Structures are given as C-alpha cells and as structure tokens.
C-alpha cells in the first residue's frame, strides 16, 4: 500500500487523519530505523518519532537503531538512546523506517524489518521502492522530517520533538536554500520555531561549528579538488590514510561536498572518501534542474534525490569518477 502524504491546510490548524498514529494504536513493541551513514534528516526524523512515541504512547516499548551519528547531532533529545543495529533479536509489532528509499540501505536494521509484524516507511527519496507494507512517500517534499510533522498533531509536538524536526528540515534544505523548499516547508518551520527552539543555535551547530581537525580536513579536500567538463563538475577523493593523518572519522566529513558545490560554474559536486580498505562513500550534490543525481548514484547501487544523492563504491575511485562524469555529460547534453 502506498500513501501519498497529505499536505496540511494553509493554516496548519486542521489535522487530517494520521496513518502513523493509527498504526501505533494497540502496539506493544515498536522499532525505528533509518538509512546507513545517517544524516541530519535521518537522525532528526528517527528521534522525532522516538520522542513522540515515548511522550504520547508511554506503554509502548520503543527502540531506535542507527549507525554511529555525527557528533554535531548529539544535542538532540535522547540521542544517547540510539542503539547499534543488530543488538536486538526480538520481533516488533511495528517497524518504522525513516528517510530510507531501499531495503538494502537499512543495513543491519533490515533484519528487524523482515521479522516485524507490520512496517511503515516515511520517506522523500525519488528512488524509494515502496518496500514496506505502508509507504508514506512524497519525493517533492523538503525532507522526511516535514513528512513526519504532517503525521503529527501540531499541539502534540513539544520542544524536544521540534528540535529534531527542525534539524532535519534545515539540513536537507541547506537552511531553506534548496529548490525542495516550499510554502509548506516554511509553514512547518514557523510552527516549530514557535515551540521555543533555539533555531539560530541549531543552524550554528549543524552548519558552522567545526573542530580544528575538520577545518584542516576540509581545506585539504578543497586543495585536492579538480574540475572537469569545462568547470561544471568538481570532485575530490580522500583516502583512509589522509583521514587518519588529519585525525578525522567518516562521520566528520559532513559539509565538504556542500562546500565543493558552491564553486562558481559548478553543476555537480562529488566527494569520495574511504570508509574501509578499498570501499568509498560517495556524496553527490547538484545545482539547477538539468541533472538527476539519484539516477547517477543508482549506477553504483545508491540513490537519493535529484540534487543530493549518495552511494557506496568498492574499487578504484578513478573508475567511479569517470563513470559519473560520463553520465553527467549525457544528462546535460539531453537537457
């Protein structure tokens, strides 16, 4: 069953029936998970749902599973309750998948989904395969956090939940700069701001605060960057040994690809960094409406949005770069 998420009324006062709330009724054990290498929207939506269940359904035994999160998101309420996937073998009455377009991108949490009595996926990825029992999917939404908010009654959203939702919205919209930002997005953000959150501090934590080591790593990645296709493509590749030299982990690489993206004349930015020996995490970011990076990422089994996608690649990164440039050239020639 696929459910197109309903857009709230312009006033945001009238709440239509929530598929998520109906699914939670009568449940005793609920699991929550998001995609591998969780970002702000994945973490924010997962913790927002977790905090909401704990607040409104205190009798439900609830668990949230994510891979290690970047430290910049540790300020979110109950981030310390996140469990590593694979630590619980029991069956769930309901398993909620957030910000994940493919079962494979659940990683070890996919086992929970397979055993669960029922599943719901809330997501805004263009590549979503509608793999759950119920799929609340809207690819043109700004973020999964916006879709989660549409499932909750505004007066039931407290400050802790609002912080989670706002964090996910600002990260996936680039502080409301990207084209996925809509009137509905801004209306949702306005309601969250009225919950008493310190929204300037959230933006500062997520986008501006960097450790000395992270700044040095970013500088190195920018120094190594190269241009292709008459300056329309920019890319940089960072090895595991370089990350060790600069004393950073994969979770500290957040923000580098976005900095590459703002280069004048660039349509597509690519960052690849080594996570294990010979295995790279690839992040793609784009500008304008002439490119679909979700398709480009799918060439390597990844996916995401038209202007923001990711993938995992094993092998020579130069081969991946060549394939990506070839696909970008093809897409731009057709536009």
C-alpha atoms as a PDB file:
ATOM      1  CA  UNK A   1       0.000   0.000   0.000  1.00  0.00           C
ATOM      2  CA  UNK A   2       1.417   3.399  -0.954  1.00  0.00           C
ATOM      3  CA  UNK A   3       0.091   6.507   0.712  1.00  0.00           C
ATOM      4  CA  UNK A   4       0.755   9.911  -0.798  1.00  0.00           C
ATOM      5  CA  UNK A   5       1.399  12.200   2.136  1.00  0.00           C
ATOM      6  CA  UNK A   6      -1.258  14.804   2.597  1.00  0.00           C
ATOM      7  CA  UNK A   7      -0.285  18.458   2.531  1.00  0.00           C
ATOM      8  CA  UNK A   8      -1.545  20.285   5.577  1.00  0.00           C
ATOM      9  CA  UNK A   9      -4.076  23.074   5.273  1.00  0.00           C
ATOM     10  CA  UNK A  10      -2.632  26.541   4.646  1.00  0.00           C
ATOM     11  CA  UNK A  11      -3.418  27.494   8.228  1.00  0.00           C
ATOM     12  CA  UNK A  12      -1.801  24.275   9.531  1.00  0.00           C
ATOM     13  CA  UNK A  13      -4.594  24.123  12.122  1.00  0.00           C
ATOM     14  CA  UNK A  14      -6.732  21.322  10.712  1.00  0.00           C
ATOM     15  CA  UNK A  15      -5.081  17.919  11.075  1.00  0.00           C
ATOM     16  CA  UNK A  16      -6.119  15.127   8.752  1.00  0.00           C
ATOM     17  CA  UNK A  17      -6.078  11.527   9.920  1.00  0.00           C
ATOM     18  CA  UNK A  18      -2.576  10.237  10.528  1.00  0.00           C
ATOM     19  CA  UNK A  19      -1.542   6.895   9.070  1.00  0.00           C
ATOM     20  CA  UNK A  20       1.328   6.701  11.566  1.00  0.00           C
ATOM     21  CA  UNK A  21      -0.830   7.343  14.635  1.00  0.00           C
ATOM     22  CA  UNK A  22      -3.384   4.784  13.512  1.00  0.00           C
ATOM     23  CA  UNK A  23      -0.628   2.222  13.047  1.00  0.00           C
ATOM     24  CA  UNK A  24       0.688   2.829  16.577  1.00  0.00           C
ATOM     25  CA  UNK A  25      -2.649   2.054  18.220  1.00  0.00           C
ATOM     26  CA  UNK A  26      -2.556  -1.170  20.239  1.00  0.00           C
ATOM     27  CA  UNK A  27       1.130  -1.835  19.563  1.00  0.00           C
ATOM     28  CA  UNK A  28       3.364  -3.090  22.364  1.00  0.00           C
ATOM     29  CA  UNK A  29       6.779  -3.167  20.736  1.00  0.00           C
ATOM     30  CA  UNK A  30       7.946  -0.711  18.057  1.00  0.00           C
ATOM     31  CA  UNK A  31      11.285  -0.369  16.294  1.00  0.00           C
ATOM     32  CA  UNK A  32      12.612   2.639  14.379  1.00  0.00           C
ATOM     33  CA  UNK A  33      15.495   2.786  11.904  1.00  0.00           C
ATOM     34  CA  UNK A  34      16.936   4.915   9.123  1.00  0.00           C
ATOM     35  CA  UNK A  35      19.489   4.557   6.382  1.00  0.00           C
ATOM     36  CA  UNK A  36      23.166   3.689   6.745  1.00  0.00           C
ATOM     37  CA  UNK A  37      25.540   6.636   7.273  1.00  0.00           C
ATOM     38  CA  UNK A  38      22.703   8.664   8.848  1.00  0.00           C
ATOM     39  CA  UNK A  39      22.484  12.376   8.069  1.00  0.00           C
ATOM     40  CA  UNK A  40      20.558  15.165   9.775  1.00  0.00           C
ATOM     41  CA  UNK A  41      17.179  14.337   8.241  1.00  0.00           C
ATOM     42  CA  UNK A  42      17.524  10.643   9.019  1.00  0.00           C
ATOM     43  CA  UNK A  43      18.619  11.303  12.616  1.00  0.00           C
ATOM     44  CA  UNK A  44      16.099  14.099  13.158  1.00  0.00           C
ATOM     45  CA  UNK A  45      13.117  12.135  11.848  1.00  0.00           C
ATOM     46  CA  UNK A  46      14.105   8.968  13.740  1.00  0.00           C
ATOM     47  CA  UNK A  47      14.498  10.777  17.047  1.00  0.00           C
ATOM     48  CA  UNK A  48      11.369  12.874  16.478  1.00  0.00           C
ATOM     49  CA  UNK A  49       9.270   9.721  16.086  1.00  0.00           C
ATOM     50  CA  UNK A  50      11.036   8.045  19.025  1.00  0.00           C
ATOM     51  CA  UNK A  51      10.463  11.050  21.305  1.00  0.00           C
ATOM     52  CA  UNK A  52       6.845  11.333  20.175  1.00  0.00           C
ATOM     53  CA  UNK A  53       6.126   7.667  20.943  1.00  0.00           C
ATOM     54  CA  UNK A  54       7.748   7.937  24.375  1.00  0.00           C
ATOM     55  CA  UNK A  55       5.661  11.018  25.119  1.00  0.00           C
ATOM     56  CA  UNK A  56       2.273  10.022  23.675  1.00  0.00           C
ATOM     57  CA  UNK A  57       2.447   6.207  23.897  1.00  0.00           C
ATOM     58  CA  UNK A  58       4.396   5.570  27.137  1.00  0.00           C
ATOM     59  CA  UNK A  59       3.255   1.935  27.317  1.00  0.00           C
ATOM     60  CA  UNK A  60       4.957   1.067  24.032  1.00  0.00           C
ATOM     61  CA  UNK A  61       8.422  -0.454  24.301  1.00  0.00           C
ATOM     62  CA  UNK A  62      10.316   1.524  21.675  1.00  0.00           C
ATOM     63  CA  UNK A  63      13.814   1.111  20.232  1.00  0.00           C
ATOM     64  CA  UNK A  64      15.652   3.301  17.727  1.00  0.00           C
ATOM     65  CA  UNK A  65      18.532   1.898  15.646  1.00  0.00           C
ATOM     66  CA  UNK A  66      21.087   3.908  13.688  1.00  0.00           C
ATOM     67  CA  UNK A  67      24.737   3.618  12.832  1.00  0.00           C
ATOM     68  CA  UNK A  68      27.048   5.970  14.742  1.00  0.00           C
ATOM     69  CA  UNK A  69      25.815   9.540  14.329  1.00  0.00           C
ATOM     70  CA  UNK A  70      27.987  12.630  13.710  1.00  0.00           C
ATOM     71  CA  UNK A  71      28.741  14.431  16.974  1.00  0.00           C
ATOM     72  CA  UNK A  72      27.026  17.614  15.766  1.00  0.00           C
ATOM     73  CA  UNK A  73      23.663  15.888  16.262  1.00  0.00           C
ATOM     74  CA  UNK A  74      24.298  14.636  19.790  1.00  0.00           C
ATOM     75  CA  UNK A  75      22.449  17.639  21.263  1.00  0.00           C
ATOM     76  CA  UNK A  76      19.120  16.190  20.083  1.00  0.00           C
ATOM     77  CA  UNK A  77      16.942  14.777  22.840  1.00  0.00           C
ATOM     78  CA  UNK A  78      17.517  11.066  23.529  1.00  0.00           C
ATOM     79  CA  UNK A  79      20.329  10.753  21.013  1.00  0.00           C
ATOM     80  CA  UNK A  80      22.011   8.672  23.723  1.00  0.00           C
ATOM     81  CA  UNK A  81      19.182   6.135  23.414  1.00  0.00           C
ATOM     82  CA  UNK A  82      20.142   5.243  19.835  1.00  0.00           C
ATOM     83  CA  UNK A  83      21.199   1.591  19.616  1.00  0.00           C
ATOM     84  CA  UNK A  84      23.579  -0.019  17.158  1.00  0.00           C
ATOM     85  CA  UNK A  85      21.733  -2.195  14.601  1.00  0.00           C
ATOM     86  CA  UNK A  86      21.956  -5.901  15.283  1.00  0.00           C
ATOM     87  CA  UNK A  87      21.741  -5.714  19.083  1.00  0.00           C
ATOM     88  CA  UNK A  88      18.156  -6.956  19.466  1.00  0.00           C
ATOM     89  CA  UNK A  89      16.751 -10.195  18.070  1.00  0.00           C
ATOM     90  CA  UNK A  90      13.145  -9.862  19.247  1.00  0.00           C
ATOM     91  CA  UNK A  91      10.239  -9.309  16.889  1.00  0.00           C
ATOM     92  CA  UNK A  92       8.491  -5.940  16.610  1.00  0.00           C
ATOM     93  CA  UNK A  93       4.742  -5.364  16.279  1.00  0.00           C
ATOM     94  CA  UNK A  94       5.560  -2.377  14.090  1.00  0.00           C
ATOM     95  CA  UNK A  95       8.803  -1.347  12.451  1.00  0.00           C
ATOM     96  CA  UNK A  96       9.086   2.259  11.236  1.00  0.00           C
ATOM     97  CA  UNK A  97      11.610   3.066   8.500  1.00  0.00           C
ATOM     98  CA  UNK A  98      12.551   6.712   8.065  1.00  0.00           C
ATOM     99  CA  UNK A  99      14.377   8.550   5.282  1.00  0.00           C
ATOM    100  CA  UNK A 100      15.332   5.324   3.524  1.00  0.00           C
ATOM    101  CA  UNK A 101      14.398   4.522  -0.062  1.00  0.00           C
ATOM    102  CA  UNK A 102      15.670   0.967  -0.296  1.00  0.00           C
ATOM    103  CA  UNK A 103      15.756  -2.072   1.987  1.00  0.00           C
ATOM    104  CA  UNK A 104      19.470  -2.518   1.263  1.00  0.00           C
ATOM    105  CA  UNK A 105      20.224   0.948   2.665  1.00  0.00           C
ATOM    106  CA  UNK A 106      18.842  -0.126   6.032  1.00  0.00           C
ATOM    107  CA  UNK A 107      21.990  -2.142   6.583  1.00  0.00           C
ATOM    108  CA  UNK A 108      21.753  -4.491   9.572  1.00  0.00           C
ATOM    109  CA  UNK A 109      18.374  -3.000  10.534  1.00  0.00           C
ATOM    110  CA  UNK A 110      16.829  -4.768   7.530  1.00  0.00           C
ATOM    111  CA  UNK A 111      16.635  -7.919   9.672  1.00  0.00           C
ATOM    112  CA  UNK A 112      14.254  -6.169  12.078  1.00  0.00           C
ATOM    113  CA  UNK A 113      12.053  -5.117   9.185  1.00  0.00           C
ATOM    114  CA  UNK A 114      11.854  -8.653   7.804  1.00  0.00           C
ATOM    115  CA  UNK A 115      10.736 -10.073  11.166  1.00  0.00           C
ATOM    116  CA  UNK A 116       8.252  -7.315  12.062  1.00  0.00           C
ATOM    117  CA  UNK A 117       4.506  -7.965  12.019  1.00  0.00           C
ATOM    118  CA  UNK A 118       3.938  -4.703  10.115  1.00  0.00           C
ATOM    119  CA  UNK A 119       6.109  -1.989   8.576  1.00  0.00           C
ATOM    120  CA  UNK A 120       5.765   1.667   7.611  1.00  0.00           C
ATOM    121  CA  UNK A 121       8.217   3.706   5.553  1.00  0.00           C
ATOM    122  CA  UNK A 122       8.148   7.517   5.643  1.00  0.00           C
ATOM    123  CA  UNK A 123      10.473   8.949   3.045  1.00  0.00           C
ATOM    124  CA  UNK A 124      11.012  11.599   0.384  1.00  0.00           C
ATOM    125  CA  UNK A 125      13.661   9.944  -1.783  1.00  0.00           C
ATOM    126  CA  UNK A 126      12.930   9.943  -5.500  1.00  0.00           C
ATOM    127  CA  UNK A 127      14.342   6.413  -5.689  1.00  0.00           C
ATOM    128  CA  UNK A 128      12.044   4.964  -2.992  1.00  0.00           C
ATOM    129  CA  UNK A 129      10.977   1.431  -3.976  1.00  0.00           C
ATOM    130  CA  UNK A 130       7.841   1.304  -1.740  1.00  0.00           C
ATOM    131  CA  UNK A 131       9.238  -1.735   0.054  1.00  0.00           C
ATOM    132  CA  UNK A 132       7.268  -1.512   3.313  1.00  0.00           C
ATOM    133  CA  UNK A 133       3.683  -2.619   3.991  1.00  0.00           C
ATOM    134  CA  UNK A 134       2.628   1.041   4.075  1.00  0.00           C
ATOM    135  CA  UNK A 135       4.695   3.702   2.322  1.00  0.00           C
ATOM    136  CA  UNK A 136       4.209   7.407   3.031  1.00  0.00           C
ATOM    137  CA  UNK A 137       6.322   8.780   0.223  1.00  0.00           C
ATOM    138  CA  UNK A 138       6.447  12.246  -1.317  1.00  0.00           C
ATOM    139  CA  UNK A 139       9.577  12.856  -3.424  1.00  0.00           C
ATOM    140  CA  UNK A 140       8.972  16.588  -3.777  1.00  0.00           C
ATOM    141  CA  UNK A 141       8.871  17.147  -0.003  1.00  0.00           C
ATOM    142  CA  UNK A 142      11.765  19.061   1.519  1.00  0.00           C
ATOM    143  CA  UNK A 143      12.649  16.318   3.972  1.00  0.00           C
ATOM    144  CA  UNK A 144      11.412  13.260   5.791  1.00  0.00           C
ATOM    145  CA  UNK A 145      11.085  15.477   8.859  1.00  0.00           C
ATOM    146  CA  UNK A 146       8.475  17.570   7.060  1.00  0.00           C
ATOM    147  CA  UNK A 147       6.531  14.397   6.240  1.00  0.00           C
ATOM    148  CA  UNK A 148       6.777  13.214   9.848  1.00  0.00           C
ATOM    149  CA  UNK A 149       5.436  16.566  11.010  1.00  0.00           C
ATOM    150  CA  UNK A 150       2.462  16.136   8.691  1.00  0.00           C
ATOM    151  CA  UNK A 151       1.716  12.895  10.557  1.00  0.00           C
ATOM    152  CA  UNK A 152       1.705  14.545  13.987  1.00  0.00           C
ATOM    153  CA  UNK A 153      -0.790  16.880  15.585  1.00  0.00           C
ATOM    154  CA  UNK A 154       0.935  20.260  15.994  1.00  0.00           C
ATOM    155  CA  UNK A 155      -0.209  20.673  19.605  1.00  0.00           C
ATOM    156  CA  UNK A 156       1.421  17.323  20.490  1.00  0.00           C
ATOM    157  CA  UNK A 157       4.827  18.492  19.270  1.00  0.00           C
ATOM    158  CA  UNK A 158       6.934  19.658  22.226  1.00  0.00           C
ATOM    159  CA  UNK A 159      10.268  21.471  22.168  1.00  0.00           C
ATOM    160  CA  UNK A 160      12.354  18.265  22.063  1.00  0.00           C
ATOM    161  CA  UNK A 161      10.425  16.888  19.079  1.00  0.00           C
ATOM    162  CA  UNK A 162      10.503  20.289  17.375  1.00  0.00           C
ATOM    163  CA  UNK A 163      14.292  20.470  17.659  1.00  0.00           C
ATOM    164  CA  UNK A 164      14.605  17.096  15.936  1.00  0.00           C
ATOM    165  CA  UNK A 165      12.224  18.033  13.129  1.00  0.00           C
ATOM    166  CA  UNK A 166      13.756  21.465  12.557  1.00  0.00           C
ATOM    167  CA  UNK A 167      17.247  19.969  12.439  1.00  0.00           C
ATOM    168  CA  UNK A 168      16.222  17.527   9.719  1.00  0.00           C
ATOM    169  CA  UNK A 169      14.499  20.233   7.714  1.00  0.00           C
ATOM    170  CA  UNK A 170      17.401  22.692   7.779  1.00  0.00           C
ATOM    171  CA  UNK A 171      19.967  20.030   6.869  1.00  0.00           C
ATOM    172  CA  UNK A 172      18.049  18.685   3.871  1.00  0.00           C
ATOM    173  CA  UNK A 173      17.133  22.159   2.578  1.00  0.00           C
ATOM    174  CA  UNK A 174      20.533  23.735   3.177  1.00  0.00           C
ATOM    175  CA  UNK A 175      18.924  26.236   5.568  1.00  0.00           C
ATOM    176  CA  UNK A 176      15.954  26.577   3.202  1.00  0.00           C
ATOM    177  CA  UNK A 177      18.161  27.433   0.209  1.00  0.00           C
ATOM    178  CA  UNK A 178      17.469  24.399  -1.989  1.00  0.00           C
ATOM    179  CA  UNK A 179      14.667  24.148  -4.524  1.00  0.00           C
ATOM    180  CA  UNK A 180      12.910  21.459  -2.449  1.00  0.00           C
ATOM    181  CA  UNK A 181      11.870  24.232  -0.039  1.00  0.00           C
ATOM    182  CA  UNK A 182       8.167  25.038  -0.462  1.00  0.00           C
ATOM    183  CA  UNK A 183       5.491  27.130   1.195  1.00  0.00           C
ATOM    184  CA  UNK A 184       4.527  24.066   3.240  1.00  0.00           C
ATOM    185  CA  UNK A 185       8.147  23.724   4.375  1.00  0.00           C
ATOM    186  CA  UNK A 186       8.233  27.282   5.637  1.00  0.00           C
ATOM    187  CA  UNK A 187       4.860  26.914   7.362  1.00  0.00           C
ATOM    188  CA  UNK A 188       6.111  23.810   9.163  1.00  0.00           C
ATOM    189  CA  UNK A 189       9.318  25.592  10.143  1.00  0.00           C
ATOM    190  CA  UNK A 190       7.307  28.510  11.523  1.00  0.00           C
ATOM    191  CA  UNK A 191       5.289  26.216  13.784  1.00  0.00           C
ATOM    192  CA  UNK A 192       8.468  24.537  15.040  1.00  0.00           C
ATOM    193  CA  UNK A 193      10.071  27.901  15.781  1.00  0.00           C
ATOM    194  CA  UNK A 194       7.075  28.757  17.965  1.00  0.00           C
ATOM    195  CA  UNK A 195       7.771  25.697  20.136  1.00  0.00           C
ATOM    196  CA  UNK A 196      10.603  27.582  21.836  1.00  0.00           C
ATOM    197  CA  UNK A 197      13.550  26.038  19.996  1.00  0.00           C
ATOM    198  CA  UNK A 198      16.802  27.967  19.671  1.00  0.00           C
ATOM    199  CA  UNK A 199      16.819  27.833  15.881  1.00  0.00           C
ATOM    200  CA  UNK A 200      19.901  30.054  15.343  1.00  0.00           C
ATOM    201  CA  UNK A 201      21.875  27.738  17.640  1.00  0.00           C
ATOM    202  CA  UNK A 202      20.682  24.669  15.725  1.00  0.00           C
ATOM    203  CA  UNK A 203      21.908  26.141  12.440  1.00  0.00           C
ATOM    204  CA  UNK A 204      25.210  27.121  14.047  1.00  0.00           C
ATOM    205  CA  UNK A 205      25.761  23.623  15.468  1.00  0.00           C
ATOM    206  CA  UNK A 206      24.845  21.829  12.257  1.00  0.00           C
ATOM    207  CA  UNK A 207      26.423  24.062   9.608  1.00  0.00           C
ATOM    208  CA  UNK A 208      29.032  26.305  11.154  1.00  0.00           C
ATOM    209  CA  UNK A 209      30.696  24.549  14.082  1.00  0.00           C
ATOM    210  CA  UNK A 210      33.763  22.555  13.055  1.00  0.00           C
ATOM    211  CA  UNK A 211      36.674  21.201  15.023  1.00  0.00           C
ATOM    212  CA  UNK A 212      40.170  22.341  14.106  1.00  0.00           C
ATOM    213  CA  UNK A 213      40.793  18.895  12.586  1.00  0.00           C
ATOM    214  CA  UNK A 214      37.622  19.099  10.487  1.00  0.00           C
ATOM    215  CA  UNK A 215      38.599  22.509   9.140  1.00  0.00           C
ATOM    216  CA  UNK A 216      42.038  21.194   8.196  1.00  0.00           C
ATOM    217  CA  UNK A 217      40.424  18.177   6.501  1.00  0.00           C
ATOM    218  CA  UNK A 218      38.083  20.425   4.539  1.00  0.00           C
ATOM    219  CA  UNK A 219      40.985  22.591   3.471  1.00  0.00           C
ATOM    220  CA  UNK A 220      42.871  19.520   2.283  1.00  0.00           C
ATOM    221  CA  UNK A 221      39.831  18.207   0.370  1.00  0.00           C
ATOM    222  CA  UNK A 222      39.380  21.580  -1.336  1.00  0.00           C
ATOM    223  CA  UNK A 223      43.078  21.770  -2.152  1.00  0.00           C
ATOM    224  CA  UNK A 224      42.885  18.317  -3.791  1.00  0.00           C
ATOM    225  CA  UNK A 225      39.724  19.123  -5.749  1.00  0.00           C
ATOM    226  CA  UNK A 226      39.739  19.020  -9.536  1.00  0.00           C
ATOM    227  CA  UNK A 227      37.427  20.413 -12.215  1.00  0.00           C
ATOM    228  CA  UNK A 228      36.082  18.613 -15.250  1.00  0.00           C
ATOM    229  CA  UNK A 229      33.684  19.269 -18.120  1.00  0.00           C
ATOM    230  CA  UNK A 230      34.678  22.930 -18.510  1.00  0.00           C
ATOM    231  CA  UNK A 231      34.238  23.541 -14.808  1.00  0.00           C
ATOM    232  CA  UNK A 232      30.729  22.122 -14.478  1.00  0.00           C
ATOM    233  CA  UNK A 233      31.913  19.134 -12.400  1.00  0.00           C
ATOM    234  CA  UNK A 234      34.125  19.321  -9.314  1.00  0.00           C
ATOM    235  CA  UNK A 235      35.390  16.304  -7.389  1.00  0.00           C
ATOM    236  CA  UNK A 236      37.707  15.354  -4.565  1.00  0.00           C
ATOM    237  CA  UNK A 237      38.824  11.969  -3.232  1.00  0.00           C
ATOM    238  CA  UNK A 238      40.112  11.390   0.301  1.00  0.00           C
ATOM    239  CA  UNK A 239      41.842   8.177   1.360  1.00  0.00           C
ATOM    240  CA  UNK A 240      41.655   6.491   4.754  1.00  0.00           C
ATOM    241  CA  UNK A 241      45.322   7.309   5.361  1.00  0.00           C
ATOM    242  CA  UNK A 242      44.649  11.001   4.766  1.00  0.00           C
ATOM    243  CA  UNK A 243      41.716  10.944   7.186  1.00  0.00           C
ATOM    244  CA  UNK A 244      43.976   9.299   9.767  1.00  0.00           C
ATOM    245  CA  UNK A 245      46.654  11.916   9.166  1.00  0.00           C
ATOM    246  CA  UNK A 246      44.119  14.679   9.840  1.00  0.00           C
ATOM    247  CA  UNK A 247      42.604  12.776  12.788  1.00  0.00           C
ATOM    248  CA  UNK A 248      39.043  12.652  11.420  1.00  0.00           C
ATOM    249  CA  UNK A 249      36.493   9.872  11.023  1.00  0.00           C
ATOM    250  CA  UNK A 250      33.909   9.311   8.264  1.00  0.00           C
ATOM    251  CA  UNK A 251      31.259  10.989  10.442  1.00  0.00           C
ATOM    252  CA  UNK A 252      33.370  14.179  10.409  1.00  0.00           C
ATOM    253  CA  UNK A 253      33.250  14.568   6.608  1.00  0.00           C
ATOM    254  CA  UNK A 254      29.873  16.309   6.720  1.00  0.00           C
ATOM    255  CA  UNK A 255      29.786  19.618   4.858  1.00  0.00           C
ATOM    256  CA  UNK A 256      32.724  19.138   2.489  1.00  0.00           C
ATOM    257  CA  UNK A 257      30.664  18.216  -0.571  1.00  0.00           C
ATOM    258  CA  UNK A 258      28.365  21.188   0.068  1.00  0.00           C
ATOM    259  CA  UNK A 259      31.395  23.485   0.090  1.00  0.00           C
ATOM    260  CA  UNK A 260      32.524  21.992  -3.215  1.00  0.00           C
ATOM    261  CA  UNK A 261      29.033  22.599  -4.620  1.00  0.00           C
ATOM    262  CA  UNK A 262      29.129  26.369  -4.107  1.00  0.00           C
ATOM    263  CA  UNK A 263      32.076  26.731  -6.502  1.00  0.00           C
ATOM    264  CA  UNK A 264      31.177  29.188  -9.261  1.00  0.00           C
ATOM    265  CA  UNK A 265      30.175  27.497 -12.518  1.00  0.00           C
ATOM    266  CA  UNK A 266      29.765  24.057 -10.944  1.00  0.00           C
ATOM    267  CA  UNK A 267      26.635  21.986 -11.650  1.00  0.00           C
ATOM    268  CA  UNK A 268      27.719  18.752  -9.929  1.00  0.00           C
ATOM    269  CA  UNK A 269      29.975  18.219  -6.915  1.00  0.00           C
ATOM    270  CA  UNK A 270      31.359  14.836  -5.876  1.00  0.00           C
ATOM    271  CA  UNK A 271      33.196  13.810  -2.729  1.00  0.00           C
ATOM    272  CA  UNK A 272      34.503  10.281  -2.257  1.00  0.00           C
ATOM    273  CA  UNK A 273      36.144   9.229   0.991  1.00  0.00           C
ATOM    274  CA  UNK A 274      37.428   5.835   2.057  1.00  0.00           C
ATOM    275  CA  UNK A 275      35.496   4.148   4.873  1.00  0.00           C
ATOM    276  CA  UNK A 276      37.138   0.721   4.754  1.00  0.00           C
ATOM    277  CA  UNK A 277      40.049  -0.603   2.747  1.00  0.00           C
ATOM    278  CA  UNK A 278      39.012  -0.146  -0.874  1.00  0.00           C
ATOM    279  CA  UNK A 279      35.443   0.945  -0.030  1.00  0.00           C
ATOM    280  CA  UNK A 280      34.366   4.541  -0.572  1.00  0.00           C
ATOM    281  CA  UNK A 281      31.363   6.612   0.434  1.00  0.00           C
ATOM    282  CA  UNK A 282      30.309   8.870  -2.427  1.00  0.00           C
ATOM    283  CA  UNK A 283      28.276  12.057  -1.975  1.00  0.00           C
ATOM    284  CA  UNK A 284      26.800  13.933  -4.937  1.00  0.00           C
ATOM    285  CA  UNK A 285      25.314  17.436  -4.879  1.00  0.00           C
ATOM    286  CA  UNK A 286      23.909  19.437  -7.770  1.00  0.00           C
ATOM    287  CA  UNK A 287      22.505  22.788  -8.825  1.00  0.00           C
ATOM    288  CA  UNK A 288      19.578  23.594 -11.079  1.00  0.00           C
ATOM    289  CA  UNK A 289      17.038  21.365 -12.764  1.00  0.00           C
ATOM    290  CA  UNK A 290      19.170  19.861 -15.528  1.00  0.00           C
ATOM    291  CA  UNK A 291      20.506  16.919 -13.570  1.00  0.00           C
ATOM    292  CA  UNK A 292      19.163  13.852 -11.765  1.00  0.00           C
ATOM    293  CA  UNK A 293      21.860  12.649  -9.385  1.00  0.00           C
ATOM    294  CA  UNK A 294      19.556   9.976  -7.999  1.00  0.00           C
ATOM    295  CA  UNK A 295      19.966   8.169 -11.309  1.00  0.00           C
ATOM    296  CA  UNK A 296      23.731   8.770 -11.289  1.00  0.00           C
ATOM    297  CA  UNK A 297      24.032   7.273  -7.797  1.00  0.00           C
ATOM    298  CA  UNK A 298      21.905   4.298  -8.850  1.00  0.00           C
ATOM    299  CA  UNK A 299      24.711   3.276 -11.228  1.00  0.00           C
ATOM    300  CA  UNK A 300      26.546   2.166  -8.078  1.00  0.00           C
ATOM    301  CA  UNK A 301      23.551   0.831  -6.162  1.00  0.00           C
ATOM    302  CA  UNK A 302      22.912   4.131  -4.387  1.00  0.00           C
ATOM    303  CA  UNK A 303      20.154   6.690  -4.645  1.00  0.00           C
ATOM    304  CA  UNK A 304      18.569   9.722  -3.082  1.00  0.00           C
ATOM    305  CA  UNK A 305      17.269  12.961  -4.547  1.00  0.00           C
ATOM    306  CA  UNK A 306      17.730  14.663  -7.887  1.00  0.00           C
ATOM    307  CA  UNK A 307      20.195  17.169  -6.420  1.00  0.00           C
ATOM    308  CA  UNK A 308      21.538  15.231  -3.429  1.00  0.00           C
ATOM    309  CA  UNK A 309      22.411  11.541  -3.589  1.00  0.00           C
ATOM    310  CA  UNK A 310      24.894   9.051  -2.250  1.00  0.00           C
ATOM    311  CA  UNK A 311      26.410   5.656  -2.902  1.00  0.00           C
ATOM    312  CA  UNK A 312      28.971   3.156  -1.685  1.00  0.00           C
ATOM    313  CA  UNK A 313      31.687   2.014  -4.079  1.00  0.00           C
ATOM    314  CA  UNK A 314      34.319  -0.714  -3.854  1.00  0.00           C
ATOM    315  CA  UNK A 315      37.272  -0.390  -6.172  1.00  0.00           C
ATOM    316  CA  UNK A 316      39.327   2.284  -7.899  1.00  0.00           C
ATOM    317  CA  UNK A 317      37.688   5.694  -7.264  1.00  0.00           C
ATOM    318  CA  UNK A 318      39.004   6.975 -10.594  1.00  0.00           C
ATOM    319  CA  UNK A 319      36.757   4.461 -12.373  1.00  0.00           C
ATOM    320  CA  UNK A 320      33.731   5.759 -10.448  1.00  0.00           C
ATOM    321  CA  UNK A 321      34.631   9.368 -11.245  1.00  0.00           C
ATOM    322  CA  UNK A 322      34.943   8.540 -14.954  1.00  0.00           C
ATOM    323  CA  UNK A 323      31.508   6.859 -14.955  1.00  0.00           C
ATOM    324  CA  UNK A 324      29.913   9.772 -13.081  1.00  0.00           C
ATOM    325  CA  UNK A 325      31.369  12.378 -15.422  1.00  0.00           C
ATOM    326  CA  UNK A 326      30.173  10.347 -18.409  1.00  0.00           C
ATOM    327  CA  UNK A 327      26.626  10.214 -17.011  1.00  0.00           C
ATOM    328  CA  UNK A 328      26.626  13.926 -16.130  1.00  0.00           C
ATOM    329  CA  UNK A 329      27.809  14.736 -19.664  1.00  0.00           C
ATOM    330  CA  UNK A 330      24.977  12.612 -21.074  1.00  0.00           C
ATOM    331  CA  UNK A 331      22.334  14.234 -18.883  1.00  0.00           C
ATOM    332  CA  UNK A 332      23.466  17.779 -19.592  1.00  0.00           C
ATOM    333  CA  UNK A 333      23.533  17.067 -23.324  1.00  0.00           C
ATOM    334  CA  UNK A 334      19.883  15.965 -23.157  1.00  0.00           C
ATOM    335  CA  UNK A 335      18.708  18.976 -21.151  1.00  0.00           C
END
